[in-house]
C-alpha atoms as a PDB file:
ATOM      1  CA  MET A   1      26.441  -8.740 -31.466  1.00  0.00           C
ATOM      2  CA  MET A   2      25.412  -9.974 -28.260  1.00  0.00           C
ATOM      3  CA  SER A   3      24.110  -7.445 -25.573  1.00  0.00           C
ATOM      4  CA  SER A   4      25.756  -6.578 -22.280  1.00  0.00           C
ATOM      5  CA  ARG A   5      22.868  -8.888 -20.969  1.00  0.00           C
ATOM      6  CA  SER A   6      23.266 -11.474 -23.209  1.00  0.00           C
ATOM      7  CA  ARG A   7      27.006 -11.349 -21.863  1.00  0.00           C
ATOM      8  CA  ILE A   8      26.160 -11.372 -18.195  1.00  0.00           C
ATOM      9  CA  LEU A   9      23.502 -14.079 -18.279  1.00  0.00           C
ATOM     10  CA  GLY A  10      25.849 -16.040 -20.499  1.00  0.00           C
ATOM     11  CA  ARG A  11      28.803 -15.801 -17.701  1.00  0.00           C
ATOM     12  CA  ILE A  12      26.588 -16.946 -15.153  1.00  0.00           C
ATOM     13  CA  ARG A  13      25.245 -20.304 -17.330  1.00  0.00           C
ATOM     14  CA  HIS A  14      28.766 -20.650 -17.723  1.00  0.00           C
ATOM     15  CA  ASN A  15      29.774 -20.717 -14.149  1.00  0.00           C
ATOM     16  CA  LEU A  16      27.067 -22.865 -13.000  1.00  0.00           C
ATOM     17  CA  GLY A  17      28.344 -25.345 -15.545  1.00  0.00           C
ATOM     18  CA  ARG A  18      24.891 -25.199 -18.056  1.00  0.00           C
ATOM     19  CA  GLY A  19      25.659 -24.775 -21.457  1.00  0.00           C
ATOM     20  CA  PRO A  20      23.533 -22.165 -23.990  1.00  0.00           C
ATOM     21  CA  LEU A  21      20.107 -21.239 -23.704  1.00  0.00           C
ATOM     22  CA  SER A  22      18.351 -23.502 -25.877  1.00  0.00           C
ATOM     23  CA  ALA A  23      15.070 -22.399 -27.525  1.00  0.00           C
ATOM     24  CA  GLU A  24      13.070 -25.045 -25.923  1.00  0.00           C
ATOM     25  CA  LYS A  25      14.706 -23.827 -22.551  1.00  0.00           C
ATOM     26  CA  ALA A  26      13.629 -20.020 -23.381  1.00  0.00           C
ATOM     27  CA  ALA A  27      10.228 -20.762 -24.318  1.00  0.00           C
ATOM     28  CA  GLU A  28       9.484 -23.297 -21.098  1.00  0.00           C
ATOM     29  CA  LEU A  29      10.973 -20.150 -18.765  1.00  0.00           C
ATOM     30  CA  LYS A  30       8.896 -17.667 -20.553  1.00  0.00           C
ATOM     31  CA  THR A  31       5.855 -19.821 -19.960  1.00  0.00           C
ATOM     32  CA  ARG A  32       6.918 -20.130 -16.347  1.00  0.00           C
ATOM     33  CA  ILE A  33       7.187 -15.959 -15.637  1.00  0.00           C
ATOM     34  CA  GLU A  34       4.379 -15.635 -17.496  1.00  0.00           C
ATOM     35  CA  GLU A  35       2.301 -18.279 -15.313  1.00  0.00           C
ATOM     36  CA  HIS A  36       2.825 -15.893 -11.981  1.00  0.00           C
ATOM     37  CA  ARG A  37       2.552 -19.108  -9.950  1.00  0.00           C
ATOM     38  CA  PRO A  38       2.787 -18.327  -6.209  1.00  0.00           C
ATOM     39  CA  ASN A  39       5.015 -19.820  -3.540  1.00  0.00           C
ATOM     40  CA  LEU A  40       3.999 -21.322  -0.289  1.00  0.00           C
ATOM     41  CA  VAL A  41       0.734 -19.048   1.031  1.00  0.00           C
ATOM     42  CA  PRO A  42       0.144 -19.461   4.712  1.00  0.00           C
ATOM     43  CA  LYS A  43      -2.901 -21.016   5.740  1.00  0.00           C
ATOM     44  CA  ARG A  44      -3.785 -18.513   8.143  1.00  0.00           C
ATOM     45  CA  THR A  45      -5.154 -16.199   5.043  1.00  0.00           C
ATOM     46  CA  GLU A  46      -7.334 -18.919   3.631  1.00  0.00           C
ATOM     47  CA  ILE A  47     -10.003 -17.725   5.481  1.00  0.00           C
ATOM     48  CA  SER A  48     -13.281 -15.769   5.391  1.00  0.00           C
ATOM     49  CA  PRO A  49     -13.296 -11.991   3.697  1.00  0.00           C
ATOM     50  CA  ALA A  50     -14.693 -10.780   7.189  1.00  0.00           C
ATOM     51  CA  ALA A  51     -11.868 -12.730   9.067  1.00  0.00           C
ATOM     52  CA  GLN A  52      -9.613 -11.472   6.772  1.00  0.00           C
ATOM     53  CA  VAL A  53     -10.404  -7.819   7.737  1.00  0.00           C
ATOM     54  CA  ASP A  54     -10.078  -8.856  11.470  1.00  0.00           C
ATOM     55  CA  LEU A  55      -6.624  -9.962  10.650  1.00  0.00           C
ATOM     56  CA  PHE A  56      -5.485  -7.129   8.573  1.00  0.00           C
ATOM     57  CA  GLN A  57      -6.810  -4.839  11.815  1.00  0.00           C
ATOM     58  CA  ALA A  58      -4.796  -7.081  14.642  1.00  0.00           C
ATOM     59  CA  LYS A  59      -1.788  -7.051  12.319  1.00  0.00           C
ATOM     60  CA  ALA A  60      -1.729  -3.287  11.333  1.00  0.00           C
ATOM     61  CA  GLU A  61      -2.431  -2.437  15.193  1.00  0.00           C
ATOM     62  CA  ALA A  62       0.486  -4.852  16.084  1.00  0.00           C
ATOM     63  CA  LEU A  63       3.147  -2.696  13.985  1.00  0.00           C
ATOM     64  CA  GLY A  64       2.224   0.635  15.541  1.00  0.00           C
ATOM     65  CA  ALA A  65      -0.975   1.902  13.104  1.00  0.00           C
ATOM     66  CA  THR A  66      -4.282   2.810  14.139  1.00  0.00           C
ATOM     67  CA  VAL A  67      -7.786   1.710  12.485  1.00  0.00           C
ATOM     68  CA  THR A  68     -10.969   3.520  12.591  1.00  0.00           C
ATOM     69  CA  ARG A  69     -13.767   0.932  10.917  1.00  0.00           C
ATOM     70  CA  LEU A  70     -16.461   2.928   9.249  1.00  0.00           C
ATOM     71  CA  SER A  71     -20.229   2.373   7.065  1.00  0.00           C
ATOM     72  CA  SER A  72     -19.934   4.004   4.988  1.00  0.00           C
ATOM     73  CA  LEU A  73     -17.837   7.033   2.935  1.00  0.00           C
ATOM     74  CA  ASP A  74     -19.846   9.758   3.879  1.00  0.00           C
ATOM     75  CA  ALA A  75     -18.475   9.153   7.708  1.00  0.00           C
ATOM     76  CA  VAL A  76     -14.843   9.445   6.267  1.00  0.00           C
ATOM     77  CA  PRO A  77     -14.912  13.511   7.246  1.00  0.00           C
ATOM     78  CA  GLU A  78     -15.809  13.653  10.401  1.00  0.00           C
ATOM     79  CA  ALA A  79     -14.101  10.670  11.266  1.00  0.00           C
ATOM     80  CA  VAL A  80     -10.808  12.557   9.979  1.00  0.00           C
ATOM     81  CA  SER A  81     -11.771  15.566  11.730  1.00  0.00           C
ATOM     82  CA  ARG A  82     -11.897  13.399  15.051  1.00  0.00           C
ATOM     83  CA  TYR A  83      -8.725  12.075  14.564  1.00  0.00           C
ATOM     84  CA  LEU A  84      -6.813  15.580  14.203  1.00  0.00           C
ATOM     85  CA  SER A  85      -8.738  16.953  17.445  1.00  0.00           C
ATOM     86  CA  ASP A  86      -7.698  13.637  19.288  1.00  0.00           C
ATOM     87  CA  HIS A  87      -4.014  14.770  18.388  1.00  0.00           C
ATOM     88  CA  ASN A  88      -4.332  18.231  18.674  1.00  0.00           C
ATOM     89  CA  LEU A  89      -3.115  18.545  14.922  1.00  0.00           C
ATOM     90  CA  ALA A  90      -3.611  21.327  12.855  1.00  0.00           C
ATOM     91  CA  THR A  91      -6.674  21.302  10.572  1.00  0.00           C
ATOM     92  CA  LYS A  92      -5.151  21.570   7.308  1.00  0.00           C
ATOM     93  CA  ILE A  93      -5.201  18.431   4.918  1.00  0.00           C
ATOM     94  CA  LYS A  94      -3.394  17.879   1.234  1.00  0.00           C
ATOM     95  CA  MET A  95      -5.096  15.232   0.007  1.00  0.00           C
ATOM     96  CA  SER A  96      -4.702  12.807  -3.046  1.00  0.00           C
ATOM     97  CA  PRO A  97      -6.070  14.437  -6.356  1.00  0.00           C
ATOM     98  CA  GLU A  98      -7.448  10.583  -7.250  1.00  0.00           C
ATOM     99  CA  ALA A  99     -10.945  10.890  -8.276  1.00  0.00           C
ATOM    100  CA  ALA A 100     -11.949   8.276  -5.646  1.00  0.00           C
ATOM    101  CA  LEU A 101     -11.904  10.554  -3.101  1.00  0.00           C
ATOM    102  CA  ASP A 102     -14.119  13.269  -5.011  1.00  0.00           C
ATOM    103  CA  ALA A 103     -17.095  12.099  -3.176  1.00  0.00           C
ATOM    104  CA  LEU A 104     -16.326  12.573   0.252  1.00  0.00           C
ATOM    105  CA  PRO A 105     -18.097  14.686   1.231  1.00  0.00           C
ATOM    106  CA  PHE A 106     -15.913  17.524   3.578  1.00  0.00           C
ATOM    107  CA  ASP A 107     -18.628  20.278   3.066  1.00  0.00           C
ATOM    108  CA  GLN A 108     -20.438  18.380   5.954  1.00  0.00           C
ATOM    109  CA  THR A 109     -16.953  19.393   8.231  1.00  0.00           C
ATOM    110  CA  PRO A 110     -15.925  22.988   6.658  1.00  0.00           C
ATOM    111  CA  MET A 111     -13.279  23.527   9.653  1.00  0.00           C
ATOM    112  CA  LEU A 112     -11.154  21.406   7.583  1.00  0.00           C
ATOM    113  CA  ASP A 113      -8.945  23.116   4.671  1.00  0.00           C
ATOM    114  CA  ILE A 114      -8.093  20.556   2.303  1.00  0.00           C
ATOM    115  CA  THR A 115      -6.129  21.300  -0.415  1.00  0.00           C
ATOM    116  CA  ARG A 116      -5.202  18.597  -3.288  1.00  0.00           C
ATOM    117  CA  GLY A 117      -1.830  17.116  -4.805  1.00  0.00           C
ATOM    118  CA  ALA A 118       1.622  16.503  -4.167  1.00  0.00           C
ATOM    119  CA  ALA A 119       2.776  16.939  -0.742  1.00  0.00           C
ATOM    120  CA  THR A 120       5.802  19.647  -0.032  1.00  0.00           C
ATOM    121  CA  ALA A 121       7.755  19.477   3.269  1.00  0.00           C
ATOM    122  CA  GLU A 122       5.367  22.215   4.908  1.00  0.00           C
ATOM    123  CA  ASP A 123       2.071  19.260   5.451  1.00  0.00           C
ATOM    124  CA  ASP A 124       1.706  17.462   8.183  1.00  0.00           C
ATOM    125  CA  VAL A 125      -1.195  15.512   7.542  1.00  0.00           C
ATOM    126  CA  SER A 126      -2.385  13.637   4.286  1.00  0.00           C
ATOM    127  CA  LEU A 127      -5.099  11.822   3.486  1.00  0.00           C
ATOM    128  CA  THR A 128      -4.632   8.939   0.706  1.00  0.00           C
ATOM    129  CA  PRO A 129      -6.199   6.131  -1.160  1.00  0.00           C
ATOM    130  CA  ALA A 130      -5.279   2.949  -0.475  1.00  0.00           C
ATOM    131  CA  PHE A 131      -4.632   0.228  -3.933  1.00  0.00           C
ATOM    132  CA  ALA A 132      -5.332  -2.970  -1.766  1.00  0.00           C
ATOM    133  CA  GLY A 133      -4.487  -4.012   2.340  1.00  0.00           C
ATOM    134  CA  ILE A 134      -2.749  -7.718   2.879  1.00  0.00           C
ATOM    135  CA  ALA A 135      -4.137  -9.426   5.972  1.00  0.00           C
ATOM    136  CA  GLU A 136      -1.211 -12.100   6.160  1.00  0.00           C
ATOM    137  CA  THR A 137       0.812  -8.741   7.199  1.00  0.00           C
ATOM    138  CA  GLY A 138      -0.891  -5.526   7.840  1.00  0.00           C
ATOM    139  CA  THR A 139       0.819  -3.877   5.202  1.00  0.00           C
ATOM    140  CA  LEU A 140      -0.784  -1.448   3.069  1.00  0.00           C
ATOM    141  CA  CYS A 141      -0.007  -1.174  -1.070  1.00  0.00           C
ATOM    142  CA  LEU A 142      -0.099   1.826  -2.399  1.00  0.00           C
ATOM    143  CA  ALA A 143      -0.028   2.047  -6.239  1.00  0.00           C
ATOM    144  CA  SER A 144       2.299   5.939  -7.650  1.00  0.00           C
ATOM    145  CA  GLY A 145       0.474   7.503 -10.243  1.00  0.00           C
ATOM    146  CA  PRO A 146      -0.128  11.249 -11.154  1.00  0.00           C
ATOM    147  CA  ASP A 147      -3.106  11.303  -8.897  1.00  0.00           C
ATOM    148  CA  THR A 148      -1.608   9.151  -6.013  1.00  0.00           C
ATOM    149  CA  PRO A 149       1.967  10.861  -5.485  1.00  0.00           C
ATOM    150  CA  SER A 150       4.107   9.130  -3.449  1.00  0.00           C
ATOM    151  CA  THR A 151       4.976  11.829  -1.275  1.00  0.00           C
ATOM    152  CA  LEU A 152       1.783  12.356   0.189  1.00  0.00           C
ATOM    153  CA  ASN A 153       3.242   8.470   1.849  1.00  0.00           C
ATOM    154  CA  PHE A 154       6.268  10.140   2.946  1.00  0.00           C
ATOM    155  CA  LEU A 155       6.497  13.481   3.871  1.00  0.00           C
ATOM    156  CA  PRO A 156       4.082  14.228   6.394  1.00  0.00           C
ATOM    157  CA  GLU A 157       4.124  13.021   9.709  1.00  0.00           C
ATOM    158  CA  ASN A 158       0.625  11.629  10.114  1.00  0.00           C
ATOM    159  CA  HIS A 159      -0.353   9.742   6.968  1.00  0.00           C
ATOM    160  CA  ILE A 160      -4.270   8.521   6.867  1.00  0.00           C
ATOM    161  CA  VAL A 161      -5.124   5.786   4.492  1.00  0.00           C
ATOM    162  CA  LEU A 162      -8.219   5.102   3.373  1.00  0.00           C
ATOM    163  CA  LEU A 163      -8.988   1.338   2.442  1.00  0.00           C
ATOM    164  CA  ARG A 164     -11.870  -0.339   1.318  1.00  0.00           C
ATOM    165  CA  ARG A 165     -13.148  -3.501   3.005  1.00  0.00           C
ATOM    166  CA  SER A 166     -13.156  -5.197  -0.489  1.00  0.00           C
ATOM    167  CA  GLN A 167      -9.544  -3.769  -1.284  1.00  0.00           C
ATOM    168  CA  ILE A 168      -8.590  -6.274   1.658  1.00  0.00           C
ATOM    169  CA  ILE A 169      -6.933  -9.604   0.665  1.00  0.00           C
ATOM    170  CA  GLY A 170      -5.224 -12.670   2.259  1.00  0.00           C
ATOM    171  CA  THR A 171      -1.862 -12.448   0.451  1.00  0.00           C
ATOM    172  CA  MET A 172       1.245 -10.518  -1.204  1.00  0.00           C
ATOM    173  CA  GLU A 173       0.337 -12.553  -3.614  1.00  0.00           C
ATOM    174  CA  GLU A 174      -2.937 -11.172  -4.467  1.00  0.00           C
ATOM    175  CA  SER A 175      -1.450  -7.822  -4.604  1.00  0.00           C
ATOM    176  CA  TRP A 176       0.318  -8.117  -7.446  1.00  0.00           C
ATOM    177  CA  ALA A 177      -2.458 -10.468  -9.340  1.00  0.00           C
ATOM    178  CA  ARG A 178      -4.570  -7.526  -8.699  1.00  0.00           C
ATOM    179  CA  LEU A 179      -2.304  -4.800 -10.220  1.00  0.00           C
ATOM    180  CA  ARG A 180      -1.652  -7.179 -13.272  1.00  0.00           C
ATOM    181  CA  ALA A 181      -5.412  -7.156 -13.657  1.00  0.00           C
ATOM    182  CA  LYS A 182      -5.675  -3.419 -13.284  1.00  0.00           C
ATOM    183  CA  TYR A 183      -2.836  -2.272 -15.074  1.00  0.00           C
ATOM    184  CA  GLY A 184      -2.157  -4.915 -17.210  1.00  0.00           C
ATOM    185  CA  ALA A 185       1.394  -6.880 -18.311  1.00  0.00           C
ATOM    186  CA  GLY A 186       4.042  -4.719 -18.421  1.00  0.00           C
ATOM    187  CA  ASN A 187       2.308  -1.377 -17.644  1.00  0.00           C
ATOM    188  CA  LEU A 188       2.492  -1.851 -13.675  1.00  0.00           C
ATOM    189  CA  PRO A 189       3.094   1.550 -12.042  1.00  0.00           C
ATOM    190  CA  ARG A 190       6.122   2.707 -11.585  1.00  0.00           C
ATOM    191  CA  THR A 191       6.353   2.402  -7.744  1.00  0.00           C
ATOM    192  CA  LEU A 192       4.525   0.325  -5.048  1.00  0.00           C
ATOM    193  CA  ASN A 193       4.797   1.176  -1.079  1.00  0.00           C
ATOM    194  CA  LEU A 194       4.568  -1.500   0.824  1.00  0.00           C
ATOM    195  CA  ILE A 195       3.829  -0.247   3.790  1.00  0.00           C
ATOM    196  CA  SER A 196       3.604  -1.949   7.580  1.00  0.00           C
ATOM    197  CA  GLY A 197       2.875   0.545  10.378  1.00  0.00           C
ATOM    198  CA  PRO A 198       4.349   3.818  11.092  1.00  0.00           C
ATOM    199  CA  SER A 199       7.881   4.724  10.335  1.00  0.00           C
ATOM    200  CA  ARG A 200      10.720   3.616  12.727  1.00  0.00           C
ATOM    201  CA  THR A 201      14.583   2.939  13.225  1.00  0.00           C
ATOM    202  CA  ALA A 202      15.857   1.467  16.293  1.00  0.00           C
ATOM    203  CA  ASP A 203      19.806   1.491  14.160  1.00  0.00           C
ATOM    204  CA  ILE A 204      21.169   3.990  16.648  1.00  0.00           C
ATOM    205  CA  GLU A 205      21.576   2.255  20.379  1.00  0.00           C
ATOM    206  CA  GLN A 206      18.680  -0.069  19.810  1.00  0.00           C
ATOM    207  CA  THR A 207      16.532   3.193  20.689  1.00  0.00           C
ATOM    208  CA  LEU A 208      13.360   2.874  18.534  1.00  0.00           C
ATOM    209  CA  ILE A 209      12.799   6.449  16.959  1.00  0.00           C
ATOM    210  CA  MET A 210       9.583   6.862  15.003  1.00  0.00           C
ATOM    211  CA  GLY A 211       9.247   9.036  12.347  1.00  0.00           C
ATOM    212  CA  ALA A 212      12.958   8.443  11.363  1.00  0.00           C
ATOM    213  CA  HIS A 213      12.090   7.683   7.249  1.00  0.00           C
ATOM    214  CA  GLY A 214       8.660   8.850   7.189  1.00  0.00           C
ATOM    215  CA  PRO A 215       5.376   9.402   8.985  1.00  0.00           C
ATOM    216  CA  ARG A 216       5.341   9.265  12.635  1.00  0.00           C
ATOM    217  CA  ARG A 217       1.704   8.335  12.810  1.00  0.00           C
ATOM    218  CA  LEU A 218      -0.248   6.099  10.695  1.00  0.00           C
ATOM    219  CA  HIS A 219      -3.988   5.816  10.687  1.00  0.00           C
ATOM    220  CA  ILE A 220      -6.236   3.426   8.827  1.00  0.00           C
ATOM    221  CA  LEU A 221      -9.905   4.011   8.002  1.00  0.00           C
ATOM    222  CA  ILE A 222     -11.718   1.112   6.748  1.00  0.00           C
ATOM    223  CA  VAL A 223     -14.721   1.451   4.440  1.00  0.00           C
ATOM    224  CA  ASP A 224     -17.161  -1.216   4.638  1.00  0.00           C
ATOM    225  CA  ASP A 225     -17.970  -1.437   0.862  1.00  0.00           C
ATOM    226  CA  ALA A 226     -18.916  -5.206   1.016  1.00  0.00           C
ATOM    227  CA  GLU A 227     -21.568  -7.350   1.974  1.00  0.00           C
ATOM    228  CA  LYS A 228     -21.378  -8.727   5.750  1.00  0.00           C
ATOM    229  CA  ASP A 229     -20.447 -12.351   5.542  1.00  0.00           C
END
C-alpha cells in the first residue's frame, strides 16, 4: 500500500510533468542530500580566524547585542558581576547545567547567587554556553539538550552567552557541518536556536519594542581559547 508521503510526492511529480522516480534517480538524489553541498558563500567570510572574531563582534553589536572579550574562563565571573552592576540587575543568575560551565570559578565572586537548570518566569538573568557563532551575520547558534534547555534562551529578560573564540566560524553552512560532526547523521538536537541580537519587533505602528518575544538584552562573552593569528 502506498504511503501518504509517496502519494503526495507522486502528485507533485505528476503536476511538474515528471514520471515515476526511478531507482537510479532516487540514488542520485540520496547522494546529493548526503553530500550537504553548500550553496554560494560570501567572500567576506574567507578571512583569518582573528578577522572572523572581529567581524562577528561588529555584526552582533550592529544588531543590538553587547560584547566583551575575555582572556580566559577565569575572567568570566567578574565580567558577569560587572555586567549586572552596570545594568542595575539583581545578582541572581540561572545558569545552564552544561558541564562546560562547571569550571567557571564563581567562588571568586560569592556575591553572585547561581542556580542551575531550566529557566522559569521568575528568572531575570540567564547564563548559557553557545554551540557556535556565525561571523557572517553575528548570529549565535544554541543547541538544545538536557543540559542546555531552550527556556534559558528566551524566558529571562537578560541573556548572557559564553562563546569561545574557537567556536566562531564564517558561515551558517559551517555551523551545520559542525552539528553533523558532533551529533552524527540523523541525530541532531531537537532544536537549534539561531539568535541575532536581542528580541525586538516593530509590528505595531512601526515602533521598535525590545524584548517582545525574548530577552531585552543579549550580552556575549567571547573567551580567548585559541592561539593568536
